[in-house]
Amino acid sequence: MNLVDSCGWLEYFADSPLADSVILATARAHGALVRTQDAHFKGLENVRYIEKTNHSV
C-alpha cells in the first residue's frame, strides 16, 4: 500500500485526522515508532501512547 492509500485508510477506518494519518503512515513506511501523547493515536499499531500527567511547574 502506498503512502496516500495508507493515509486514506487511516483517516477513514481509524477515524484519524488527516495530519495524524500522514504522520503514522510515514512512520510505518519507514519502520518507525510514533511516540505521542495525542489520544488520536491511542491503541494503534506502531504507536507508543504516553498518558499526559498533570504536573504543575
PDB file of N, CA and C in Angstrom:
ATOM      1  N   MET A   1       0.855  -1.176   0.000  1.00  0.00           N
ATOM      2  CA  MET A   1       0.000   0.000   0.000  1.00  0.00           C
ATOM      3  C   MET A   1       0.900   1.237   0.000  1.00  0.00           C
ATOM      4  N   ASN A   2       0.587   2.187  -0.874  1.00  0.00           N
ATOM      5  CA  ASN A   2       1.413   3.394  -0.920  1.00  0.00           C
ATOM      6  C   ASN A   2       0.996   4.363   0.192  1.00  0.00           C
ATOM      7  N   LEU A   3       1.765   5.406   0.360  1.00  0.00           N
ATOM      8  CA  LEU A   3       1.563   6.358   1.452  1.00  0.00           C
ATOM      9  C   LEU A   3       0.192   7.039   1.381  1.00  0.00           C
ATOM     10  N   VAL A   4      -0.227   7.409   0.195  1.00  0.00           N
ATOM     11  CA  VAL A   4      -1.522   8.086   0.038  1.00  0.00           C
ATOM     12  C   VAL A   4      -2.668   7.148   0.412  1.00  0.00           C
ATOM     13  N   ASP A   5      -2.618   5.902  -0.058  1.00  0.00           N
ATOM     14  CA  ASP A   5      -3.657   4.932   0.287  1.00  0.00           C
ATOM     15  C   ASP A   5      -3.674   4.657   1.780  1.00  0.00           C
ATOM     16  N   SER A   6      -2.499   4.549   2.359  1.00  0.00           N
ATOM     17  CA  SER A   6      -2.392   4.300   3.790  1.00  0.00           C
ATOM     18  C   SER A   6      -2.997   5.450   4.599  1.00  0.00           C
ATOM     19  N   CYS A   7      -2.739   6.681   4.185  1.00  0.00           N
ATOM     20  CA  CYS A   7      -3.312   7.851   4.859  1.00  0.00           C
ATOM     21  C   CYS A   7      -4.831   7.836   4.765  1.00  0.00           C
ATOM     22  N   GLY A   8      -5.334   7.537   3.583  1.00  0.00           N
ATOM     23  CA  GLY A   8      -6.781   7.480   3.388  1.00  0.00           C
ATOM     24  C   GLY A   8      -7.417   6.404   4.233  1.00  0.00           C
ATOM     25  N   TRP A   9      -6.779   5.247   4.284  1.00  0.00           N
ATOM     26  CA  TRP A   9      -7.301   4.145   5.094  1.00  0.00           C
ATOM     27  C   TRP A   9      -7.333   4.544   6.568  1.00  0.00           C
ATOM     28  N   LEU A  10      -6.262   5.119   7.066  1.00  0.00           N
ATOM     29  CA  LEU A  10      -6.212   5.525   8.468  1.00  0.00           C
ATOM     30  C   LEU A  10      -7.251   6.595   8.779  1.00  0.00           C
ATOM     31  N   GLU A  11      -7.383   7.544   7.869  1.00  0.00           N
ATOM     32  CA  GLU A  11      -8.341   8.630   8.087  1.00  0.00           C
ATOM     33  C   GLU A  11      -9.767   8.080   8.160  1.00  0.00           C
ATOM     34  N   TYR A  12     -10.083   7.129   7.291  1.00  0.00           N
ATOM     35  CA  TYR A  12     -11.449   6.604   7.238  1.00  0.00           C
ATOM     36  C   TYR A  12     -11.728   5.567   8.319  1.00  0.00           C
ATOM     37  N   PHE A  13     -10.897   4.526   8.398  1.00  0.00           N
ATOM     38  CA  PHE A  13     -11.180   3.404   9.289  1.00  0.00           C
ATOM     39  C   PHE A  13     -10.754   3.642  10.737  1.00  0.00           C
ATOM     40  N   ALA A  14      -9.708   4.401  10.951  1.00  0.00           N
ATOM     41  CA  ALA A  14      -9.245   4.650  12.319  1.00  0.00           C
ATOM     42  C   ALA A  14      -9.794   5.975  12.843  1.00  0.00           C
ATOM     43  N   ASP A  15     -10.631   6.627  12.041  1.00  0.00           N
ATOM     44  CA  ASP A  15     -11.221   7.917  12.413  1.00  0.00           C
ATOM     45  C   ASP A  15     -10.135   8.879  12.893  1.00  0.00           C
ATOM     46  N   SER A  16      -9.073   8.917  12.111  1.00  0.00           N
ATOM     47  CA  SER A  16      -7.906   9.724  12.452  1.00  0.00           C
ATOM     48  C   SER A  16      -7.872  10.976  11.584  1.00  0.00           C
ATOM     49  N   PRO A  17      -7.594  12.153  12.159  1.00  0.00           N
ATOM     50  CA  PRO A  17      -7.449  13.362  11.341  1.00  0.00           C
ATOM     51  C   PRO A  17      -6.351  13.183  10.293  1.00  0.00           C
ATOM     52  N   LEU A  18      -6.456  13.909   9.199  1.00  0.00           N
ATOM     53  CA  LEU A  18      -5.514  13.744   8.088  1.00  0.00           C
ATOM     54  C   LEU A  18      -4.060  13.922   8.518  1.00  0.00           C
ATOM     55  N   ALA A  19      -3.764  14.952   9.301  1.00  0.00           N
ATOM     56  CA  ALA A  19      -2.372  15.181   9.717  1.00  0.00           C
ATOM     57  C   ALA A  19      -1.841  13.991  10.528  1.00  0.00           C
ATOM     58  N   ASP A  20      -2.657  13.447  11.424  1.00  0.00           N
ATOM     59  CA  ASP A  20      -2.242  12.280  12.203  1.00  0.00           C
ATOM     60  C   ASP A  20      -2.037  11.075  11.296  1.00  0.00           C
ATOM     61  N   SER A  21      -2.888  10.942  10.292  1.00  0.00           N
ATOM     62  CA  SER A  21      -2.765   9.838   9.343  1.00  0.00           C
ATOM     63  C   SER A  21      -1.463   9.917   8.567  1.00  0.00           C
ATOM     64  N   VAL A  22      -1.082  11.123   8.160  1.00  0.00           N
ATOM     65  CA  VAL A  22       0.175  11.315   7.426  1.00  0.00           C
ATOM     66  C   VAL A  22       1.365  10.956   8.314  1.00  0.00           C
ATOM     67  N   ILE A  23       1.336  11.382   9.558  1.00  0.00           N
ATOM     68  CA  ILE A  23       2.424  11.074  10.496  1.00  0.00           C
ATOM     69  C   ILE A  23       2.571   9.568  10.670  1.00  0.00           C
ATOM     70  N   LEU A  24       1.463   8.886  10.944  1.00  0.00           N
ATOM     71  CA  LEU A  24       1.528   7.447  11.194  1.00  0.00           C
ATOM     72  C   LEU A  24       1.882   6.663   9.935  1.00  0.00           C
ATOM     73  N   ALA A  25       1.301   7.022   8.801  1.00  0.00           N
ATOM     74  CA  ALA A  25       1.605   6.319   7.553  1.00  0.00           C
ATOM     75  C   ALA A  25       3.077   6.474   7.180  1.00  0.00           C
ATOM     76  N   THR A  26       3.631   7.654   7.381  1.00  0.00           N
ATOM     77  CA  THR A  26       5.047   7.888   7.094  1.00  0.00           C
ATOM     78  C   THR A  26       5.928   7.070   8.028  1.00  0.00           C
ATOM     79  N   ALA A  27       5.585   7.042   9.303  1.00  0.00           N
ATOM     80  CA  ALA A  27       6.355   6.243  10.265  1.00  0.00           C
ATOM     81  C   ALA A  27       6.318   4.770   9.881  1.00  0.00           C
ATOM     82  N   ARG A  28       5.145   4.267   9.540  1.00  0.00           N
ATOM     83  CA  ARG A  28       5.020   2.855   9.149  1.00  0.00           C
ATOM     84  C   ARG A  28       5.832   2.554   7.894  1.00  0.00           C
ATOM     85  N   ALA A  29       5.826   3.470   6.934  1.00  0.00           N
ATOM     86  CA  ALA A  29       6.569   3.261   5.691  1.00  0.00           C
ATOM     87  C   ALA A  29       8.068   3.146   5.934  1.00  0.00           C
ATOM     88  N   HIS A  30       8.528   3.769   7.015  1.00  0.00           N
ATOM     89  CA  HIS A  30       9.957   3.755   7.338  1.00  0.00           C
ATOM     90  C   HIS A  30      10.288   2.841   8.513  1.00  0.00           C
ATOM     91  N   GLY A  31       9.320   2.062   8.963  1.00  0.00           N
ATOM     92  CA  GLY A  31       9.545   1.121  10.060  1.00  0.00           C
ATOM     93  C   GLY A  31       9.805   1.814  11.390  1.00  0.00           C
ATOM     94  N   ALA A  32       9.257   3.009  11.558  1.00  0.00           N
ATOM     95  CA  ALA A  32       9.499   3.780  12.774  1.00  0.00           C
ATOM     96  C   ALA A  32       8.321   3.654  13.745  1.00  0.00           C
ATOM     97  N   LEU A  33       8.583   4.002  14.971  1.00  0.00           N
ATOM     98  CA  LEU A  33       7.587   4.005  16.029  1.00  0.00           C
ATOM     99  C   LEU A  33       7.208   5.449  16.327  1.00  0.00           C
ATOM    100  N   VAL A  34       5.909   5.717  16.468  1.00  0.00           N
ATOM    101  CA  VAL A  34       5.443   7.054  16.838  1.00  0.00           C
ATOM    102  C   VAL A  34       5.252   7.070  18.349  1.00  0.00           C
ATOM    103  N   ARG A  35       5.882   8.008  19.006  1.00  0.00           N
ATOM    104  CA  ARG A  35       5.687   8.215  20.445  1.00  0.00           C
ATOM    105  C   ARG A  35       4.934   9.517  20.615  1.00  0.00           C
ATOM    106  N   THR A  36       3.807   9.446  21.302  1.00  0.00           N
ATOM    107  CA  THR A  36       2.937  10.613  21.364  1.00  0.00           C
ATOM    108  C   THR A  36       2.069  10.632  22.613  1.00  0.00           C
ATOM    109  N   GLN A  37       1.559  11.808  22.912  1.00  0.00           N
ATOM    110  CA  GLN A  37       0.556  11.974  23.947  1.00  0.00           C
ATOM    111  C   GLN A  37      -0.788  12.327  23.317  1.00  0.00           C
ATOM    112  N   ASP A  38      -0.876  12.263  22.012  1.00  0.00           N
ATOM    113  CA  ASP A  38      -2.090  12.568  21.272  1.00  0.00           C
ATOM    114  C   ASP A  38      -3.034  11.364  21.321  1.00  0.00           C
ATOM    115  N   ALA A  39      -4.207  11.550  21.905  1.00  0.00           N
ATOM    116  CA  ALA A  39      -5.162  10.456  22.097  1.00  0.00           C
ATOM    117  C   ALA A  39      -5.653   9.847  20.789  1.00  0.00           C
ATOM    118  N   HIS A  40      -5.531  10.563  19.659  1.00  0.00           N
ATOM    119  CA  HIS A  40      -5.947  10.001  18.373  1.00  0.00           C
ATOM    120  C   HIS A  40      -5.134   8.752  18.019  1.00  0.00           C
ATOM    121  N   PHE A  41      -3.930   8.655  18.543  1.00  0.00           N
ATOM    122  CA  PHE A  41      -3.040   7.543  18.222  1.00  0.00           C
ATOM    123  C   PHE A  41      -3.205   6.350  19.172  1.00  0.00           C
ATOM    124  N   LYS A  42      -3.905   6.539  20.265  1.00  0.00           N
ATOM    125  CA  LYS A  42      -4.013   5.500  21.304  1.00  0.00           C
ATOM    126  C   LYS A  42      -4.587   4.209  20.728  1.00  0.00           C
ATOM    127  N   GLY A  43      -3.867   3.105  20.967  1.00  0.00           N
ATOM    128  CA  GLY A  43      -4.320   1.793  20.541  1.00  0.00           C
ATOM    129  C   GLY A  43      -3.950   1.398  19.123  1.00  0.00           C
ATOM    130  N   LEU A  44      -3.283   2.283  18.390  1.00  0.00           N
ATOM    131  CA  LEU A  44      -2.908   1.956  17.017  1.00  0.00           C
ATOM    132  C   LEU A  44      -1.556   1.257  16.977  1.00  0.00           C
ATOM    133  N   GLU A  45      -1.390   0.424  15.968  1.00  0.00           N
ATOM    134  CA  GLU A  45      -0.143  -0.309  15.765  1.00  0.00           C
ATOM    135  C   GLU A  45       0.981   0.665  15.416  1.00  0.00           C
ATOM    136  N   ASN A  46       2.188   0.386  15.858  1.00  0.00           N
ATOM    137  CA  ASN A  46       3.377   1.213  15.646  1.00  0.00           C
ATOM    138  C   ASN A  46       3.324   2.520  16.429  1.00  0.00           C
ATOM    139  N   VAL A  47       2.551   2.537  17.512  1.00  0.00           N
ATOM    140  CA  VAL A  47       2.405   3.742  18.321  1.00  0.00           C
ATOM    141  C   VAL A  47       2.680   3.430  19.781  1.00  0.00           C
ATOM    142  N   ARG A  48       3.435   4.293  20.409  1.00  0.00           N
ATOM    143  CA  ARG A  48       3.627   4.234  21.862  1.00  0.00           C
ATOM    144  C   ARG A  48       2.924   5.453  22.427  1.00  0.00           C
ATOM    145  N   TYR A  49       1.745   5.214  22.995  1.00  0.00           N
ATOM    146  CA  TYR A  49       0.955   6.301  23.566  1.00  0.00           C
ATOM    147  C   TYR A  49       1.384   6.502  25.010  1.00  0.00           C
ATOM    148  N   ILE A  50       1.666   7.741  25.373  1.00  0.00           N
ATOM    149  CA  ILE A  50       2.116   8.090  26.718  1.00  0.00           C
ATOM    150  C   ILE A  50       1.062   8.991  27.340  1.00  0.00           C
ATOM    151  N   GLU A  51       0.464   8.538  28.431  1.00  0.00           N
ATOM    152  CA  GLU A  51      -0.569   9.325  29.103  1.00  0.00           C
ATOM    153  C   GLU A  51      -0.009  10.657  29.573  1.00  0.00           C
ATOM    154  N   LYS A  52      -0.814  11.692  29.427  1.00  0.00           N
ATOM    155  CA  LYS A  52      -0.413  13.002  29.936  1.00  0.00           C
ATOM    156  C   LYS A  52      -0.545  12.994  31.453  1.00  0.00           C
ATOM    157  N   THR A  53       0.357  13.694  32.108  1.00  0.00           N
ATOM    158  CA  THR A  53       0.277  13.825  33.548  1.00  0.00           C
ATOM    159  C   THR A  53      -0.010  15.279  33.894  1.00  0.00           C
ATOM    160  N   ASN A  54      -0.536  15.502  35.059  1.00  0.00           N
ATOM    161  CA  ASN A  54      -0.883  16.859  35.498  1.00  0.00           C
ATOM    162  C   ASN A  54       0.143  17.383  36.481  1.00  0.00           C
ATOM    163  N   HIS A  55       1.379  17.461  36.046  1.00  0.00           N
ATOM    164  CA  HIS A  55       2.443  18.010  36.877  1.00  0.00           C
ATOM    165  C   HIS A  55       2.403  19.538  36.820  1.00  0.00           C
ATOM    166  N   SER A  56       2.357  20.154  37.956  1.00  0.00           N
ATOM    167  CA  SER A  56       2.434  21.613  37.950  1.00  0.00           C
ATOM    168  C   SER A  56       3.880  22.032  38.103  1.00  0.00           C
ATOM    169  N   VAL A  57       4.243  23.087  37.437  1.00  0.00           N
ATOM    170  CA  VAL A  57       5.628  23.550  37.437  1.00  0.00           C
ATOM    171  C   VAL A  57       5.782  24.751  38.305  1.00  0.00           C
TER     172      VAL A  57
END
